[in-house]
Each structure stands twice: as C-alpha cells, then as structure tokens.
Amino acid sequence: MKLVMLLYLEDDHTLVADLLAHHGVRAYSRLPVEGHGEGTASGWYARVAPFRSQMIVALVPADLAAELLEAVRAIEEVHDPRHPVHASVFDVEAAAHSGGDALQA
C-alpha cells in the first residue's frame, strides 16, 4: 500500500481529478493549501503573494502509485507552466479504520 500525494494549483483541479478518475482512483482526500515559493515581490506588502493550491492524498496499491507517477510525468499542459503538478509516493507500513480491521499494507 502506498500514499500518493499530489500538489497543484487550484486552477488545475479538473485536470488532476480527471487523471485520478482515468486511473480508477475513486477515493481520496482533497485539502486547500497555501503555497509559498520564489517569485517577485510586489503589491502593498512587498512580498511574494501566496499561491492557491490543492493537495490530494490517496491510499492505493503499489502498482497504481507507480502508474500515477508516470501519468503525472506525462502531463504536458497545466494552467501555469511555472507551477507543474507535483506527485510524491510514500510507503504505508500499516493502516486501519474505525470499527474495522487493519487494512492490508
């Protein structure tokens, strides 16, 4: 079992949701994220404005995690090319849910 984490600009949500659906990922959690990074300071506060981003996490089998990484690498067009979709995969040692047995990792 793997935990896949995707980070992307809010404007690319449809692209990422379609990618997950195409690969059969039906359950995931999506969170709003305030992204900070390099850029040119401007505006009233003379600092780099934060980015409106999203983060998705999903528990998936190892083969699907590898498939998703390849799918992210293959994305050719995003809303802002300076902000590509990022994907990371983490090993899951064990998982459980309330009222149930441990999930197979």
N, C-alpha and C. Protein backbone atom coordinates (compact mmCIF):
# COMPACT_ATOMS: atom_id res chain seq x y z
N MET A 1 0.86 -1.17 0.00
CA MET A 1 0.00 0.00 0.00
C MET A 1 0.90 1.24 0.00
N LYS A 2 0.50 2.23 -0.77
CA LYS A 2 1.26 3.48 -0.88
C LYS A 2 0.33 4.66 -0.63
N LEU A 3 0.91 5.74 -0.16
CA LEU A 3 0.19 7.01 -0.04
C LEU A 3 0.70 7.90 -1.16
N VAL A 4 -0.19 8.30 -2.04
CA VAL A 4 0.17 9.21 -3.13
C VAL A 4 -0.27 10.61 -2.72
N MET A 5 0.63 11.58 -2.85
CA MET A 5 0.32 12.97 -2.55
C MET A 5 0.52 13.78 -3.83
N LEU A 6 -0.51 14.52 -4.21
CA LEU A 6 -0.44 15.38 -5.38
C LEU A 6 -0.59 16.83 -4.93
N LEU A 7 0.26 17.70 -5.41
CA LEU A 7 0.19 19.14 -5.13
C LEU A 7 0.08 19.87 -6.46
N TYR A 8 -0.84 20.84 -6.53
CA TYR A 8 -1.08 21.51 -7.79
C TYR A 8 -1.83 22.81 -7.54
N LEU A 9 -1.79 23.71 -8.51
CA LEU A 9 -2.56 24.94 -8.40
C LEU A 9 -4.05 24.63 -8.46
N GLU A 10 -4.82 25.40 -7.73
CA GLU A 10 -6.27 25.22 -7.69
C GLU A 10 -6.88 25.20 -9.10
N ASP A 11 -6.33 25.99 -10.01
CA ASP A 11 -6.86 26.06 -11.38
C ASP A 11 -6.68 24.76 -12.15
N ASP A 12 -5.84 23.86 -11.68
CA ASP A 12 -5.61 22.58 -12.35
C ASP A 12 -6.41 21.43 -11.73
N HIS A 13 -7.39 21.76 -10.88
CA HIS A 13 -8.12 20.69 -10.20
C HIS A 13 -8.83 19.74 -11.16
N THR A 14 -9.48 20.26 -12.18
CA THR A 14 -10.20 19.38 -13.12
C THR A 14 -9.23 18.43 -13.81
N LEU A 15 -8.08 18.92 -14.20
CA LEU A 15 -7.05 18.08 -14.82
C LEU A 15 -6.66 16.94 -13.90
N VAL A 16 -6.40 17.25 -12.63
CA VAL A 16 -5.96 16.23 -11.67
C VAL A 16 -7.10 15.27 -11.34
N ALA A 17 -8.30 15.78 -11.16
CA ALA A 17 -9.45 14.91 -10.87
C ALA A 17 -9.71 13.96 -12.03
N ASP A 18 -9.59 14.44 -13.26
CA ASP A 18 -9.76 13.58 -14.43
C ASP A 18 -8.67 12.52 -14.50
N LEU A 19 -7.44 12.89 -14.16
CA LEU A 19 -6.34 11.94 -14.15
C LEU A 19 -6.62 10.81 -13.15
N LEU A 20 -7.06 11.17 -11.96
CA LEU A 20 -7.37 10.16 -10.94
C LEU A 20 -8.51 9.25 -11.40
N ALA A 21 -9.56 9.83 -11.95
CA ALA A 21 -10.69 9.04 -12.43
C ALA A 21 -10.26 8.10 -13.55
N HIS A 22 -9.44 8.59 -14.46
CA HIS A 22 -8.96 7.76 -15.58
C HIS A 22 -8.18 6.54 -15.09
N HIS A 23 -7.49 6.69 -13.97
CA HIS A 23 -6.69 5.59 -13.44
C HIS A 23 -7.42 4.80 -12.36
N GLY A 24 -8.69 5.08 -12.18
CA GLY A 24 -9.52 4.27 -11.28
C GLY A 24 -9.42 4.62 -9.81
N VAL A 25 -8.88 5.79 -9.49
CA VAL A 25 -8.82 6.22 -8.09
C VAL A 25 -10.17 6.84 -7.74
N ARG A 26 -10.94 6.14 -6.91
CA ARG A 26 -12.29 6.60 -6.59
C ARG A 26 -12.37 7.28 -5.23
N ALA A 27 -11.40 7.04 -4.36
CA ALA A 27 -11.45 7.62 -3.01
C ALA A 27 -10.14 8.37 -2.74
N TYR A 28 -10.29 9.62 -2.35
CA TYR A 28 -9.13 10.43 -1.99
C TYR A 28 -9.60 11.58 -1.13
N SER A 29 -8.66 12.26 -0.51
CA SER A 29 -8.96 13.46 0.28
C SER A 29 -8.29 14.65 -0.38
N ARG A 30 -9.04 15.76 -0.46
CA ARG A 30 -8.51 16.99 -1.07
C ARG A 30 -8.53 18.10 -0.03
N LEU A 31 -7.42 18.82 0.08
CA LEU A 31 -7.30 19.90 1.05
C LEU A 31 -6.82 21.16 0.36
N PRO A 32 -7.31 22.32 0.81
CA PRO A 32 -6.75 23.57 0.30
C PRO A 32 -5.38 23.81 0.93
N VAL A 33 -4.46 24.34 0.14
CA VAL A 33 -3.10 24.57 0.61
C VAL A 33 -2.68 25.97 0.18
N GLU A 34 -2.04 26.70 1.06
CA GLU A 34 -1.47 27.99 0.70
C GLU A 34 -0.01 27.76 0.38
N GLY A 35 0.33 27.84 -0.90
CA GLY A 35 1.70 27.57 -1.34
C GLY A 35 2.55 28.82 -1.30
N HIS A 36 3.80 28.66 -0.91
CA HIS A 36 4.75 29.77 -0.88
C HIS A 36 5.98 29.34 -1.66
N GLY A 37 6.55 30.27 -2.40
CA GLY A 37 7.74 29.93 -3.18
C GLY A 37 8.41 31.18 -3.69
N GLU A 38 9.36 30.96 -4.57
CA GLU A 38 10.13 32.07 -5.14
C GLU A 38 9.25 32.87 -6.09
N GLY A 39 9.59 34.10 -6.27
CA GLY A 39 8.87 34.97 -7.18
C GLY A 39 9.33 36.40 -6.98
N THR A 40 8.61 37.32 -7.58
CA THR A 40 8.94 38.74 -7.48
C THR A 40 7.98 39.40 -6.50
N ALA A 41 8.54 40.04 -5.50
CA ALA A 41 7.72 40.74 -4.51
C ALA A 41 7.06 41.94 -5.17
N SER A 42 5.78 42.12 -4.87
CA SER A 42 5.06 43.26 -5.43
C SER A 42 3.84 43.57 -4.57
N GLY A 43 3.15 44.62 -4.93
CA GLY A 43 1.91 44.95 -4.23
C GLY A 43 2.16 45.73 -2.95
N TRP A 44 1.12 45.87 -2.20
CA TRP A 44 1.14 46.66 -0.97
C TRP A 44 2.16 46.17 0.05
N TYR A 45 2.33 44.89 0.14
CA TYR A 45 3.14 44.33 1.23
C TYR A 45 4.56 43.99 0.80
N ALA A 46 4.90 44.22 -0.45
CA ALA A 46 6.25 43.98 -0.97
C ALA A 46 6.77 42.59 -0.63
N ARG A 47 5.93 41.60 -0.83
CA ARG A 47 6.36 40.21 -0.66
C ARG A 47 5.68 39.36 -1.73
N VAL A 48 6.17 38.16 -1.88
CA VAL A 48 5.61 37.25 -2.88
C VAL A 48 4.24 36.78 -2.40
N ALA A 49 3.25 36.94 -3.24
CA ALA A 49 1.90 36.52 -2.88
C ALA A 49 1.83 35.00 -2.81
N PRO A 50 1.08 34.46 -1.86
CA PRO A 50 0.92 33.00 -1.78
C PRO A 50 0.09 32.49 -2.95
N PHE A 51 0.26 31.21 -3.25
CA PHE A 51 -0.47 30.57 -4.33
C PHE A 51 -1.62 29.77 -3.75
N ARG A 52 -2.76 29.79 -4.44
CA ARG A 52 -3.90 28.97 -4.05
C ARG A 52 -3.69 27.59 -4.65
N SER A 53 -3.36 26.65 -3.82
CA SER A 53 -3.05 25.31 -4.26
C SER A 53 -3.99 24.30 -3.63
N GLN A 54 -3.88 23.07 -4.09
CA GLN A 54 -4.65 21.95 -3.55
C GLN A 54 -3.68 20.81 -3.29
N MET A 55 -4.04 19.97 -2.34
CA MET A 55 -3.29 18.75 -2.08
C MET A 55 -4.28 17.60 -2.04
N ILE A 56 -3.96 16.55 -2.75
CA ILE A 56 -4.76 15.32 -2.71
C ILE A 56 -3.89 14.23 -2.14
N VAL A 57 -4.46 13.43 -1.26
CA VAL A 57 -3.80 12.23 -0.76
C VAL A 57 -4.72 11.04 -1.01
N ALA A 58 -4.13 9.92 -1.39
CA ALA A 58 -4.90 8.71 -1.65
C ALA A 58 -4.07 7.49 -1.29
N LEU A 59 -4.70 6.52 -0.65
CA LEU A 59 -4.07 5.23 -0.39
C LEU A 59 -4.38 4.32 -1.57
N VAL A 60 -3.33 3.80 -2.20
CA VAL A 60 -3.51 2.97 -3.40
C VAL A 60 -2.50 1.82 -3.38
N PRO A 61 -2.76 0.76 -4.15
CA PRO A 61 -1.77 -0.31 -4.29
C PRO A 61 -0.49 0.22 -4.95
N ALA A 62 0.62 -0.46 -4.71
CA ALA A 62 1.92 -0.01 -5.21
C ALA A 62 1.95 0.15 -6.73
N ASP A 63 1.33 -0.79 -7.45
CA ASP A 63 1.36 -0.70 -8.91
C ASP A 63 0.60 0.53 -9.42
N LEU A 64 -0.49 0.88 -8.75
CA LEU A 64 -1.25 2.06 -9.14
C LEU A 64 -0.47 3.34 -8.80
N ALA A 65 0.26 3.34 -7.71
CA ALA A 65 1.08 4.50 -7.35
C ALA A 65 2.12 4.77 -8.44
N ALA A 66 2.77 3.72 -8.92
CA ALA A 66 3.76 3.87 -9.99
C ALA A 66 3.09 4.38 -11.27
N GLU A 67 1.90 3.88 -11.56
CA GLU A 67 1.14 4.31 -12.73
C GLU A 67 0.79 5.80 -12.63
N LEU A 68 0.41 6.24 -11.45
CA LEU A 68 0.06 7.65 -11.26
C LEU A 68 1.28 8.56 -11.43
N LEU A 69 2.44 8.11 -10.93
CA LEU A 69 3.66 8.91 -11.12
C LEU A 69 3.95 9.10 -12.61
N GLU A 70 3.83 8.02 -13.37
CA GLU A 70 4.06 8.11 -14.81
C GLU A 70 3.04 9.03 -15.47
N ALA A 71 1.80 8.96 -15.03
CA ALA A 71 0.75 9.82 -15.60
C ALA A 71 1.04 11.29 -15.31
N VAL A 72 1.53 11.59 -14.12
CA VAL A 72 1.87 12.98 -13.79
C VAL A 72 3.05 13.44 -14.65
N ARG A 73 4.05 12.57 -14.82
CA ARG A 73 5.19 12.93 -15.67
C ARG A 73 4.75 13.24 -17.10
N ALA A 74 3.68 12.61 -17.55
CA ALA A 74 3.21 12.76 -18.93
C ALA A 74 2.32 14.00 -19.13
N ILE A 75 1.94 14.68 -18.07
CA ILE A 75 1.11 15.89 -18.22
C ILE A 75 1.91 16.94 -18.99
N GLU A 76 1.34 17.41 -20.08
CA GLU A 76 2.06 18.37 -20.92
C GLU A 76 1.60 19.81 -20.74
N GLU A 77 0.38 20.00 -20.25
CA GLU A 77 -0.12 21.37 -20.16
C GLU A 77 -0.87 21.58 -18.85
N VAL A 78 -0.44 22.59 -18.11
CA VAL A 78 -1.10 22.99 -16.87
C VAL A 78 -1.48 24.47 -17.00
N HIS A 79 -2.27 24.94 -16.07
CA HIS A 79 -2.74 26.33 -16.12
C HIS A 79 -1.58 27.33 -16.15
N ASP A 80 -0.58 27.11 -15.33
CA ASP A 80 0.59 27.98 -15.27
C ASP A 80 1.83 27.10 -15.32
N PRO A 81 2.56 27.10 -16.44
CA PRO A 81 3.73 26.22 -16.59
C PRO A 81 4.80 26.40 -15.52
N ARG A 82 4.79 27.54 -14.82
CA ARG A 82 5.76 27.74 -13.74
C ARG A 82 5.41 26.91 -12.51
N HIS A 83 4.20 26.34 -12.52
CA HIS A 83 3.71 25.57 -11.37
C HIS A 83 3.17 24.22 -11.83
N PRO A 84 4.06 23.26 -12.07
CA PRO A 84 3.61 21.95 -12.54
C PRO A 84 2.90 21.18 -11.42
N VAL A 85 2.22 20.12 -11.81
CA VAL A 85 1.65 19.20 -10.84
C VAL A 85 2.81 18.42 -10.23
N HIS A 86 2.83 18.29 -8.91
CA HIS A 86 3.86 17.52 -8.21
C HIS A 86 3.23 16.26 -7.63
N ALA A 87 3.96 15.15 -7.71
CA ALA A 87 3.47 13.89 -7.14
C ALA A 87 4.58 13.27 -6.31
N SER A 88 4.20 12.74 -5.17
CA SER A 88 5.13 12.01 -4.29
C SER A 88 4.44 10.74 -3.84
N VAL A 89 5.25 9.71 -3.60
CA VAL A 89 4.72 8.43 -3.13
C VAL A 89 5.45 8.06 -1.84
N PHE A 90 4.67 7.64 -0.84
CA PHE A 90 5.20 7.26 0.46
C PHE A 90 4.78 5.84 0.79
N ASP A 91 5.68 5.09 1.40
CA ASP A 91 5.34 3.75 1.88
C ASP A 91 4.38 3.85 3.06
N VAL A 92 3.41 2.95 3.10
CA VAL A 92 2.48 2.87 4.23
C VAL A 92 2.76 1.56 4.93
N GLU A 93 3.23 1.65 6.16
CA GLU A 93 3.56 0.46 6.93
C GLU A 93 2.30 -0.28 7.37
N ALA A 94 1.31 0.46 7.82
CA ALA A 94 0.05 -0.13 8.27
C ALA A 94 -1.02 0.94 8.24
N ALA A 95 -2.27 0.51 8.15
CA ALA A 95 -3.40 1.44 8.17
C ALA A 95 -4.60 0.73 8.78
N ALA A 96 -5.49 1.49 9.36
CA ALA A 96 -6.71 0.93 9.95
C ALA A 96 -7.82 1.96 9.80
N HIS A 97 -9.04 1.52 9.99
CA HIS A 97 -10.16 2.45 10.02
C HIS A 97 -11.03 2.13 11.22
N SER A 98 -11.77 3.10 11.70
CA SER A 98 -12.56 2.91 12.91
C SER A 98 -13.61 1.83 12.69
N GLY A 99 -13.81 1.01 13.70
CA GLY A 99 -14.82 -0.04 13.62
C GLY A 99 -14.47 -1.18 12.69
N GLY A 100 -13.22 -1.29 12.29
CA GLY A 100 -12.87 -2.34 11.34
C GLY A 100 -11.50 -2.92 11.58
N ASP A 101 -11.16 -3.84 10.72
CA ASP A 101 -9.86 -4.49 10.77
C ASP A 101 -8.80 -3.60 10.13
N ALA A 102 -7.55 -3.94 10.38
CA ALA A 102 -6.45 -3.23 9.74
C ALA A 102 -6.53 -3.45 8.23
N LEU A 103 -6.16 -2.43 7.48
CA LEU A 103 -6.10 -2.55 6.03
C LEU A 103 -4.81 -3.24 5.65
N GLN A 104 -4.81 -3.97 4.56
CA GLN A 104 -3.60 -4.62 4.09
C GLN A 104 -2.65 -3.57 3.52
N ALA A 105 -1.42 -3.55 4.01
CA ALA A 105 -0.44 -2.59 3.51
C ALA A 105 0.50 -3.24 2.53
